[in-house]
Amino acid sequence: MANLDNTLAVFSALLASEPPAQVGEADEAIWAYLSAVQGLDAQIAALDRLDQGVAGLDAHSPFMPLLRDALDRHRTRLSEPSA
């Protein structure tokens, strides 16, 4: 089960990788982290905590914009009304 600290450690490694990592690796880490949380409101809160943690990581990495985009896509997905 992925927790916040483990997920941020994965992100740190992705941000430090040369050449920059693939966004799919970040998506996998986000999915693993969120899948451990039950309920939409709880997943949104978990994503908020993840966003806060990412704010403390290497903002100068060329991978950071891709990571931010991946987090935004998950936030959009969580905010969409279910069918």
N, C-alpha and C. Protein backbone atom coordinates (compact mmCIF):
# COMPACT_ATOMS: atom_id res chain seq x y z
N MET A 1 0.85 -1.18 0.00
CA MET A 1 0.00 0.00 0.00
C MET A 1 0.89 1.24 0.00
N ALA A 2 0.59 2.17 -0.86
CA ALA A 2 1.38 3.41 -0.98
C ALA A 2 0.86 4.43 0.02
N ASN A 3 1.78 5.03 0.75
CA ASN A 3 1.39 6.11 1.65
C ASN A 3 2.00 7.41 1.13
N LEU A 4 1.72 8.49 1.83
CA LEU A 4 2.17 9.80 1.37
C LEU A 4 3.69 9.88 1.27
N ASP A 5 4.38 9.44 2.32
CA ASP A 5 5.84 9.52 2.31
C ASP A 5 6.46 8.70 1.19
N ASN A 6 5.95 7.49 0.98
CA ASN A 6 6.48 6.64 -0.11
C ASN A 6 6.21 7.26 -1.47
N THR A 7 5.04 7.83 -1.64
CA THR A 7 4.68 8.44 -2.92
C THR A 7 5.56 9.66 -3.19
N LEU A 8 5.79 10.48 -2.17
CA LEU A 8 6.67 11.63 -2.34
C LEU A 8 8.11 11.19 -2.62
N ALA A 9 8.54 10.07 -2.05
CA ALA A 9 9.88 9.54 -2.33
C ALA A 9 9.98 9.11 -3.80
N VAL A 10 8.91 8.50 -4.32
CA VAL A 10 8.88 8.12 -5.74
C VAL A 10 8.98 9.39 -6.59
N PHE A 11 8.21 10.41 -6.24
CA PHE A 11 8.24 11.66 -7.00
C PHE A 11 9.63 12.30 -6.95
N SER A 12 10.26 12.27 -5.79
CA SER A 12 11.62 12.84 -5.67
C SER A 12 12.59 12.14 -6.61
N ALA A 13 12.49 10.81 -6.68
CA ALA A 13 13.35 10.05 -7.57
C ALA A 13 13.06 10.39 -9.03
N LEU A 14 11.79 10.53 -9.36
CA LEU A 14 11.42 10.89 -10.74
C LEU A 14 11.92 12.28 -11.09
N LEU A 15 11.83 13.20 -10.15
CA LEU A 15 12.29 14.57 -10.40
C LEU A 15 13.80 14.64 -10.58
N ALA A 16 14.52 13.72 -9.95
CA ALA A 16 15.99 13.73 -10.01
C ALA A 16 16.53 12.90 -11.17
N SER A 17 15.67 12.16 -11.85
CA SER A 17 16.16 11.23 -12.88
C SER A 17 16.67 11.98 -14.11
N GLU A 18 17.69 11.39 -14.71
CA GLU A 18 18.27 11.90 -15.95
C GLU A 18 18.29 10.76 -16.95
N PRO A 19 17.71 10.86 -18.09
CA PRO A 19 16.84 11.93 -18.57
C PRO A 19 15.54 11.94 -17.77
N PRO A 20 14.75 13.00 -17.92
CA PRO A 20 13.50 13.08 -17.16
C PRO A 20 12.64 11.84 -17.35
N ALA A 21 11.96 11.48 -16.29
CA ALA A 21 11.12 10.28 -16.27
C ALA A 21 9.90 10.46 -17.17
N GLN A 22 9.20 9.36 -17.35
CA GLN A 22 7.96 9.37 -18.11
C GLN A 22 6.80 9.67 -17.16
N VAL A 23 5.82 10.39 -17.62
CA VAL A 23 4.70 10.78 -16.78
C VAL A 23 3.90 9.56 -16.32
N GLY A 24 3.95 8.47 -17.06
CA GLY A 24 3.25 7.26 -16.65
C GLY A 24 3.70 6.75 -15.29
N GLU A 25 4.97 6.95 -14.97
CA GLU A 25 5.48 6.53 -13.68
C GLU A 25 4.85 7.35 -12.55
N ALA A 26 4.64 8.62 -12.78
CA ALA A 26 3.98 9.46 -11.79
C ALA A 26 2.51 9.07 -11.66
N ASP A 27 1.86 8.81 -12.78
CA ASP A 27 0.45 8.38 -12.74
C ASP A 27 0.29 7.09 -11.93
N GLU A 28 1.20 6.15 -12.14
CA GLU A 28 1.14 4.90 -11.39
C GLU A 28 1.26 5.15 -9.89
N ALA A 29 2.15 6.03 -9.50
CA ALA A 29 2.34 6.35 -8.08
C ALA A 29 1.10 7.05 -7.52
N ILE A 30 0.51 7.95 -8.30
CA ILE A 30 -0.70 8.65 -7.85
C ILE A 30 -1.85 7.66 -7.69
N TRP A 31 -2.04 6.78 -8.68
CA TRP A 31 -3.10 5.78 -8.60
C TRP A 31 -2.91 4.88 -7.38
N ALA A 32 -1.69 4.44 -7.15
CA ALA A 32 -1.42 3.56 -6.01
C ALA A 32 -1.74 4.28 -4.70
N TYR A 33 -1.38 5.53 -4.61
CA TYR A 33 -1.65 6.31 -3.40
C TYR A 33 -3.15 6.51 -3.19
N LEU A 34 -3.85 6.92 -4.24
CA LEU A 34 -5.28 7.20 -4.10
C LEU A 34 -6.12 5.94 -3.96
N SER A 35 -5.70 4.84 -4.55
CA SER A 35 -6.50 3.62 -4.47
C SER A 35 -6.56 3.05 -3.05
N ALA A 36 -5.63 3.46 -2.20
CA ALA A 36 -5.63 3.01 -0.81
C ALA A 36 -6.63 3.79 0.04
N VAL A 37 -7.24 4.83 -0.54
CA VAL A 37 -8.16 5.70 0.19
C VAL A 37 -9.58 5.43 -0.29
N GLN A 38 -10.48 5.21 0.65
CA GLN A 38 -11.87 4.91 0.31
C GLN A 38 -12.72 6.17 0.36
N GLY A 39 -13.50 6.39 -0.67
CA GLY A 39 -14.45 7.50 -0.72
C GLY A 39 -13.90 8.70 -1.47
N LEU A 40 -14.79 9.33 -2.21
CA LEU A 40 -14.41 10.46 -3.06
C LEU A 40 -13.85 11.63 -2.24
N ASP A 41 -14.54 12.01 -1.18
CA ASP A 41 -14.06 13.14 -0.37
C ASP A 41 -12.70 12.84 0.24
N ALA A 42 -12.51 11.61 0.68
CA ALA A 42 -11.22 11.22 1.26
C ALA A 42 -10.12 11.22 0.20
N GLN A 43 -10.43 10.81 -1.02
CA GLN A 43 -9.44 10.83 -2.10
C GLN A 43 -9.08 12.27 -2.46
N ILE A 44 -10.05 13.16 -2.48
CA ILE A 44 -9.77 14.57 -2.76
C ILE A 44 -8.87 15.14 -1.67
N ALA A 45 -9.15 14.82 -0.42
CA ALA A 45 -8.31 15.29 0.69
C ALA A 45 -6.90 14.70 0.57
N ALA A 46 -6.80 13.43 0.19
CA ALA A 46 -5.50 12.79 0.02
C ALA A 46 -4.72 13.46 -1.11
N LEU A 47 -5.40 13.81 -2.18
CA LEU A 47 -4.74 14.49 -3.30
C LEU A 47 -4.28 15.89 -2.87
N ASP A 48 -5.05 16.55 -2.02
CA ASP A 48 -4.62 17.85 -1.47
C ASP A 48 -3.32 17.70 -0.68
N ARG A 49 -3.25 16.65 0.15
CA ARG A 49 -2.03 16.41 0.93
C ARG A 49 -0.85 16.12 0.01
N LEU A 50 -1.11 15.37 -1.06
CA LEU A 50 -0.07 15.06 -2.02
C LEU A 50 0.42 16.33 -2.71
N ASP A 51 -0.50 17.19 -3.10
CA ASP A 51 -0.15 18.49 -3.70
C ASP A 51 0.74 19.31 -2.76
N GLN A 52 0.38 19.34 -1.50
CA GLN A 52 1.17 20.09 -0.51
C GLN A 52 2.57 19.51 -0.39
N GLY A 53 2.67 18.18 -0.41
CA GLY A 53 3.98 17.54 -0.33
C GLY A 53 4.83 17.82 -1.55
N VAL A 54 4.22 17.83 -2.72
CA VAL A 54 4.94 18.10 -3.97
C VAL A 54 5.49 19.52 -3.97
N ALA A 55 4.80 20.42 -3.31
CA ALA A 55 5.26 21.82 -3.26
C ALA A 55 6.64 21.94 -2.62
N GLY A 56 7.02 20.97 -1.80
CA GLY A 56 8.32 21.01 -1.16
C GLY A 56 9.41 20.28 -1.92
N LEU A 57 9.09 19.75 -3.09
CA LEU A 57 10.08 19.01 -3.88
C LEU A 57 10.79 19.93 -4.88
N ASP A 58 11.71 19.38 -5.64
CA ASP A 58 12.56 20.12 -6.59
C ASP A 58 11.75 20.79 -7.69
N ALA A 59 11.45 22.06 -7.51
CA ALA A 59 10.64 22.80 -8.47
C ALA A 59 11.41 23.09 -9.77
N HIS A 60 12.73 22.92 -9.76
CA HIS A 60 13.53 23.24 -10.95
C HIS A 60 13.70 22.05 -11.89
N SER A 61 13.21 20.90 -11.49
CA SER A 61 13.32 19.72 -12.34
C SER A 61 12.47 19.90 -13.60
N PRO A 62 12.98 19.44 -14.75
CA PRO A 62 12.16 19.51 -15.97
C PRO A 62 10.94 18.60 -15.91
N PHE A 63 10.93 17.68 -14.94
CA PHE A 63 9.79 16.77 -14.78
C PHE A 63 8.65 17.40 -13.98
N MET A 64 8.92 18.46 -13.22
CA MET A 64 7.89 19.05 -12.34
C MET A 64 6.63 19.46 -13.10
N PRO A 65 6.72 20.13 -14.26
CA PRO A 65 5.47 20.47 -14.96
C PRO A 65 4.65 19.23 -15.34
N LEU A 66 5.32 18.14 -15.70
CA LEU A 66 4.60 16.92 -16.03
C LEU A 66 3.92 16.33 -14.81
N LEU A 67 4.61 16.39 -13.67
CA LEU A 67 4.04 15.90 -12.42
C LEU A 67 2.83 16.74 -12.04
N ARG A 68 2.96 18.05 -12.13
CA ARG A 68 1.84 18.95 -11.81
C ARG A 68 0.64 18.67 -12.73
N ASP A 69 0.91 18.45 -14.02
CA ASP A 69 -0.17 18.13 -14.95
C ASP A 69 -0.87 16.83 -14.57
N ALA A 70 -0.09 15.83 -14.16
CA ALA A 70 -0.67 14.54 -13.76
C ALA A 70 -1.56 14.73 -12.53
N LEU A 71 -1.09 15.50 -11.57
CA LEU A 71 -1.91 15.77 -10.38
C LEU A 71 -3.18 16.52 -10.76
N ASP A 72 -3.08 17.47 -11.66
CA ASP A 72 -4.26 18.22 -12.11
C ASP A 72 -5.25 17.31 -12.82
N ARG A 73 -4.77 16.38 -13.63
CA ARG A 73 -5.67 15.44 -14.31
C ARG A 73 -6.43 14.59 -13.29
N HIS A 74 -5.74 14.16 -12.25
CA HIS A 74 -6.42 13.36 -11.22
C HIS A 74 -7.44 14.22 -10.46
N ARG A 75 -7.10 15.47 -10.22
CA ARG A 75 -8.04 16.36 -9.53
C ARG A 75 -9.28 16.56 -10.41
N THR A 76 -9.09 16.75 -11.70
CA THR A 76 -10.22 16.89 -12.62
C THR A 76 -11.08 15.64 -12.62
N ARG A 77 -10.44 14.49 -12.66
CA ARG A 77 -11.16 13.22 -12.68
C ARG A 77 -12.00 13.08 -11.41
N LEU A 78 -11.44 13.44 -10.27
CA LEU A 78 -12.16 13.31 -9.01
C LEU A 78 -13.31 14.31 -8.89
N SER A 79 -13.22 15.42 -9.60
CA SER A 79 -14.26 16.44 -9.49
C SER A 79 -15.40 16.24 -10.49
N GLU A 80 -15.22 15.32 -11.42
CA GLU A 80 -16.27 15.07 -12.42
C GLU A 80 -17.41 14.30 -11.79
N PRO A 81 -18.65 14.68 -12.13
CA PRO A 81 -19.79 13.92 -11.61
C PRO A 81 -19.78 12.50 -12.15
N SER A 82 -20.10 11.57 -11.30
CA SER A 82 -20.13 10.17 -11.75
C SER A 82 -21.42 9.91 -12.53
N ALA A 83 -21.30 8.99 -13.47
CA ALA A 83 -22.44 8.69 -14.33
C ALA A 83 -23.47 7.84 -13.64
